Amino acid sequence: MSEPALILAFLQNIGLPEMIVIGLVALLLFGRRLPEVGRSLGKGIVEFKKGLRDIEDDVNDRPSEPRKVLPSTGDGAKESGNSGSA
């Protein structure tokens, strides 16, 4: 069994008690920094959404330009002057 598949197999067996234990360990390790982490995560989400809105506004505000259709030239090999003979 490959390593990623082994990790995924492990994750499938995690239940509620295991998740609570993981949460408590994370709380013990990062308890003092959790407000700071939450703030920075919130700021990141706000900035991401703002960027998406800016992109959407740019796309919606851009005037639609008609595509220029080039005239058909027929057989390109004959008109290019490349006859193939030396």
N, C-alpha and C. Protein backbone atom coordinates (compact mmCIF):
# COMPACT_ATOMS: atom_id res chain seq x y z
N MET A 1 0.85 -1.17 0.00
CA MET A 1 0.00 0.00 0.00
C MET A 1 0.90 1.24 0.00
N SER A 2 0.59 2.21 -0.86
CA SER A 2 1.43 3.41 -0.94
C SER A 2 1.19 4.30 0.28
N GLU A 3 2.12 5.21 0.50
CA GLU A 3 2.06 6.07 1.69
C GLU A 3 0.83 6.97 1.71
N PRO A 4 0.45 7.66 0.59
CA PRO A 4 -0.78 8.48 0.64
C PRO A 4 -2.02 7.65 0.93
N ALA A 5 -2.08 6.45 0.36
CA ALA A 5 -3.24 5.60 0.61
C ALA A 5 -3.28 5.16 2.07
N LEU A 6 -2.11 4.94 2.66
CA LEU A 6 -2.04 4.55 4.07
C LEU A 6 -2.53 5.70 4.96
N ILE A 7 -2.16 6.92 4.62
CA ILE A 7 -2.61 8.08 5.39
C ILE A 7 -4.12 8.24 5.27
N LEU A 8 -4.65 8.08 4.06
CA LEU A 8 -6.09 8.19 3.87
C LEU A 8 -6.83 7.09 4.61
N ALA A 9 -6.27 5.88 4.65
CA ALA A 9 -6.90 4.79 5.38
C ALA A 9 -6.94 5.12 6.87
N PHE A 10 -5.90 5.75 7.38
CA PHE A 10 -5.87 6.15 8.79
C PHE A 10 -6.94 7.20 9.08
N LEU A 11 -7.11 8.15 8.17
CA LEU A 11 -8.06 9.23 8.39
C LEU A 11 -9.50 8.74 8.36
N GLN A 12 -9.77 7.64 7.69
CA GLN A 12 -11.13 7.12 7.62
C GLN A 12 -11.58 6.54 8.96
N ASN A 13 -10.63 6.17 9.81
CA ASN A 13 -10.96 5.55 11.09
C ASN A 13 -11.06 6.55 12.23
N ILE A 14 -10.96 7.84 11.95
CA ILE A 14 -11.04 8.85 13.01
C ILE A 14 -12.51 9.11 13.32
N GLY A 15 -12.84 8.96 14.60
CA GLY A 15 -14.20 9.22 15.05
C GLY A 15 -14.26 10.46 15.91
N LEU A 16 -15.39 10.68 16.54
CA LEU A 16 -15.59 11.85 17.37
C LEU A 16 -14.64 11.89 18.57
N PRO A 17 -14.43 10.78 19.28
CA PRO A 17 -13.49 10.85 20.42
C PRO A 17 -12.07 11.24 19.99
N GLU A 18 -11.62 10.71 18.86
CA GLU A 18 -10.28 11.05 18.38
C GLU A 18 -10.19 12.52 17.99
N MET A 19 -11.25 13.04 17.38
CA MET A 19 -11.26 14.45 16.98
C MET A 19 -11.24 15.36 18.21
N ILE A 20 -11.93 14.95 19.27
CA ILE A 20 -11.92 15.74 20.51
C ILE A 20 -10.52 15.76 21.11
N VAL A 21 -9.85 14.61 21.12
CA VAL A 21 -8.49 14.54 21.65
C VAL A 21 -7.55 15.42 20.83
N ILE A 22 -7.67 15.36 19.50
CA ILE A 22 -6.83 16.20 18.63
C ILE A 22 -7.10 17.68 18.90
N GLY A 23 -8.36 18.03 19.08
CA GLY A 23 -8.72 19.42 19.38
C GLY A 23 -8.15 19.88 20.71
N LEU A 24 -8.20 19.01 21.73
CA LEU A 24 -7.65 19.38 23.03
C LEU A 24 -6.14 19.55 22.97
N VAL A 25 -5.46 18.67 22.23
CA VAL A 25 -4.01 18.80 22.08
C VAL A 25 -3.68 20.10 21.36
N ALA A 26 -4.43 20.42 20.31
CA ALA A 26 -4.21 21.67 19.58
C ALA A 26 -4.46 22.87 20.49
N LEU A 27 -5.48 22.77 21.33
CA LEU A 27 -5.78 23.86 22.26
C LEU A 27 -4.66 24.05 23.27
N LEU A 28 -4.09 22.95 23.75
CA LEU A 28 -2.98 23.04 24.68
C LEU A 28 -1.74 23.63 24.02
N LEU A 29 -1.49 23.24 22.78
CA LEU A 29 -0.29 23.71 22.09
C LEU A 29 -0.41 25.15 21.62
N PHE A 30 -1.57 25.51 21.09
CA PHE A 30 -1.74 26.81 20.45
C PHE A 30 -2.73 27.71 21.18
N GLY A 31 -3.07 27.40 22.41
CA GLY A 31 -4.10 28.14 23.14
C GLY A 31 -3.86 29.63 23.22
N ARG A 32 -2.64 30.03 23.49
CA ARG A 32 -2.35 31.46 23.63
C ARG A 32 -2.42 32.19 22.30
N ARG A 33 -2.14 31.46 21.24
CA ARG A 33 -2.08 32.12 19.92
C ARG A 33 -3.37 31.96 19.12
N LEU A 34 -4.36 31.24 19.65
CA LEU A 34 -5.59 31.02 18.89
C LEU A 34 -6.30 32.31 18.50
N PRO A 35 -6.44 33.30 19.37
CA PRO A 35 -7.08 34.55 18.92
C PRO A 35 -6.33 35.21 17.77
N GLU A 36 -5.01 35.20 17.85
CA GLU A 36 -4.21 35.79 16.77
C GLU A 36 -4.37 35.00 15.47
N VAL A 37 -4.38 33.69 15.59
CA VAL A 37 -4.55 32.84 14.40
C VAL A 37 -5.93 33.07 13.80
N GLY A 38 -6.95 33.17 14.64
CA GLY A 38 -8.30 33.42 14.15
C GLY A 38 -8.42 34.76 13.45
N ARG A 39 -7.79 35.78 14.03
CA ARG A 39 -7.81 37.11 13.40
C ARG A 39 -7.13 37.10 12.04
N SER A 40 -5.96 36.48 12.00
CA SER A 40 -5.23 36.47 10.72
C SER A 40 -5.96 35.63 9.69
N LEU A 41 -6.60 34.55 10.12
CA LEU A 41 -7.39 33.74 9.19
C LEU A 41 -8.57 34.55 8.67
N GLY A 42 -9.24 35.28 9.54
CA GLY A 42 -10.36 36.12 9.12
C GLY A 42 -9.92 37.21 8.15
N LYS A 43 -8.78 37.85 8.43
CA LYS A 43 -8.27 38.88 7.52
C LYS A 43 -7.92 38.28 6.17
N GLY A 44 -7.36 37.08 6.18
CA GLY A 44 -7.02 36.42 4.92
C GLY A 44 -8.25 36.12 4.08
N ILE A 45 -9.31 35.66 4.74
CA ILE A 45 -10.55 35.35 4.03
C ILE A 45 -11.16 36.63 3.46
N VAL A 46 -11.15 37.71 4.24
CA VAL A 46 -11.70 38.99 3.77
C VAL A 46 -10.91 39.50 2.56
N GLU A 47 -9.58 39.43 2.63
CA GLU A 47 -8.75 39.88 1.50
C GLU A 47 -9.00 39.02 0.27
N PHE A 48 -9.16 37.72 0.46
CA PHE A 48 -9.42 36.82 -0.67
C PHE A 48 -10.74 37.17 -1.34
N LYS A 49 -11.78 37.38 -0.53
CA LYS A 49 -13.09 37.74 -1.09
C LYS A 49 -13.03 39.09 -1.80
N LYS A 50 -12.27 40.04 -1.22
CA LYS A 50 -12.12 41.35 -1.85
C LYS A 50 -11.44 41.21 -3.20
N GLY A 51 -10.42 40.39 -3.28
CA GLY A 51 -9.74 40.15 -4.55
C GLY A 51 -10.67 39.54 -5.59
N LEU A 52 -11.50 38.59 -5.15
CA LEU A 52 -12.46 37.98 -6.08
C LEU A 52 -13.46 39.01 -6.58
N ARG A 53 -13.93 39.88 -5.68
CA ARG A 53 -14.88 40.93 -6.09
C ARG A 53 -14.24 41.89 -7.08
N ASP A 54 -12.97 42.25 -6.84
CA ASP A 54 -12.27 43.16 -7.75
C ASP A 54 -12.14 42.54 -9.14
N ILE A 55 -11.79 41.27 -9.19
CA ILE A 55 -11.67 40.59 -10.48
C ILE A 55 -13.02 40.53 -11.17
N GLU A 56 -14.07 40.21 -10.41
CA GLU A 56 -15.41 40.14 -10.99
C GLU A 56 -15.84 41.51 -11.51
N ASP A 57 -15.54 42.57 -10.77
CA ASP A 57 -15.89 43.93 -11.21
C ASP A 57 -15.13 44.29 -12.49
N ASP A 58 -13.85 43.92 -12.56
CA ASP A 58 -13.07 44.20 -13.77
C ASP A 58 -13.65 43.50 -14.98
N VAL A 59 -14.08 42.27 -14.80
CA VAL A 59 -14.65 41.51 -15.92
C VAL A 59 -15.98 42.11 -16.33
N ASN A 60 -16.80 42.50 -15.37
CA ASN A 60 -18.12 43.04 -15.69
C ASN A 60 -18.04 44.46 -16.25
N ASP A 61 -17.05 45.25 -15.85
CA ASP A 61 -16.93 46.63 -16.32
C ASP A 61 -16.28 46.75 -17.68
N ARG A 62 -15.57 45.73 -18.11
CA ARG A 62 -14.87 45.79 -19.40
C ARG A 62 -15.91 45.77 -20.52
N PRO A 63 -15.83 46.75 -21.44
CA PRO A 63 -16.77 46.73 -22.56
C PRO A 63 -16.48 45.55 -23.47
N SER A 64 -17.54 44.95 -23.94
CA SER A 64 -17.33 43.80 -24.83
C SER A 64 -16.91 44.32 -26.19
N GLU A 65 -15.79 43.85 -26.65
CA GLU A 65 -15.26 44.28 -27.94
C GLU A 65 -15.57 43.20 -28.98
N PRO A 66 -16.10 43.62 -30.12
CA PRO A 66 -16.37 42.61 -31.15
C PRO A 66 -15.06 42.03 -31.67
N ARG A 67 -15.08 40.77 -31.96
CA ARG A 67 -13.88 40.13 -32.51
C ARG A 67 -13.73 40.52 -33.97
N LYS A 68 -12.49 40.76 -34.35
CA LYS A 68 -12.21 41.10 -35.74
C LYS A 68 -12.08 39.81 -36.53
N VAL A 69 -12.82 39.74 -37.63
CA VAL A 69 -12.77 38.56 -38.48
C VAL A 69 -11.82 38.88 -39.63
N LEU A 70 -10.80 38.07 -39.77
CA LEU A 70 -9.84 38.26 -40.85
C LEU A 70 -10.41 37.67 -42.13
N PRO A 71 -10.18 38.33 -43.26
CA PRO A 71 -10.70 37.79 -44.53
C PRO A 71 -10.01 36.48 -44.88
N SER A 72 -10.75 35.61 -45.51
CA SER A 72 -10.22 34.32 -45.91
C SER A 72 -9.24 34.51 -47.06
N THR A 73 -8.09 33.85 -47.01
CA THR A 73 -7.07 34.01 -48.04
C THR A 73 -7.05 32.86 -49.02
N GLY A 74 -7.89 31.88 -48.85
CA GLY A 74 -7.87 30.74 -49.76
C GLY A 74 -6.79 29.76 -49.38
N ASP A 75 -6.04 29.28 -50.37
CA ASP A 75 -4.98 28.31 -50.12
C ASP A 75 -3.74 29.06 -49.66
N GLY A 76 -3.35 28.90 -48.44
CA GLY A 76 -2.23 29.63 -47.86
C GLY A 76 -0.90 29.25 -48.46
N ALA A 77 -0.72 28.01 -48.94
CA ALA A 77 0.57 27.57 -49.47
C ALA A 77 0.87 28.27 -50.79
N LYS A 78 -0.14 28.48 -51.63
CA LYS A 78 0.09 29.13 -52.92
C LYS A 78 0.39 30.61 -52.75
N GLU A 79 -0.30 31.27 -51.84
CA GLU A 79 -0.14 32.70 -51.67
C GLU A 79 1.09 33.07 -50.86
N SER A 80 1.63 32.13 -50.12
CA SER A 80 2.79 32.47 -49.29
C SER A 80 4.06 32.52 -50.11
N GLY A 81 4.03 32.08 -51.34
CA GLY A 81 5.22 32.10 -52.17
C GLY A 81 6.14 30.93 -51.89
N ASN A 82 5.68 29.99 -51.13
CA ASN A 82 6.48 28.83 -50.78
C ASN A 82 6.02 27.67 -51.64
N SER A 83 6.63 27.52 -52.83
CA SER A 83 6.17 26.50 -53.76
C SER A 83 6.80 25.15 -53.48
N GLY A 84 7.86 25.11 -52.74
CA GLY A 84 8.49 23.85 -52.40
C GLY A 84 9.60 23.47 -53.35
N SER A 85 9.75 24.13 -54.51
CA SER A 85 10.84 23.80 -55.44
C SER A 85 11.98 24.77 -55.21
N ALA A 86 13.20 24.28 -55.44
CA ALA A 86 14.37 25.12 -55.18
C ALA A 86 14.88 25.79 -56.40
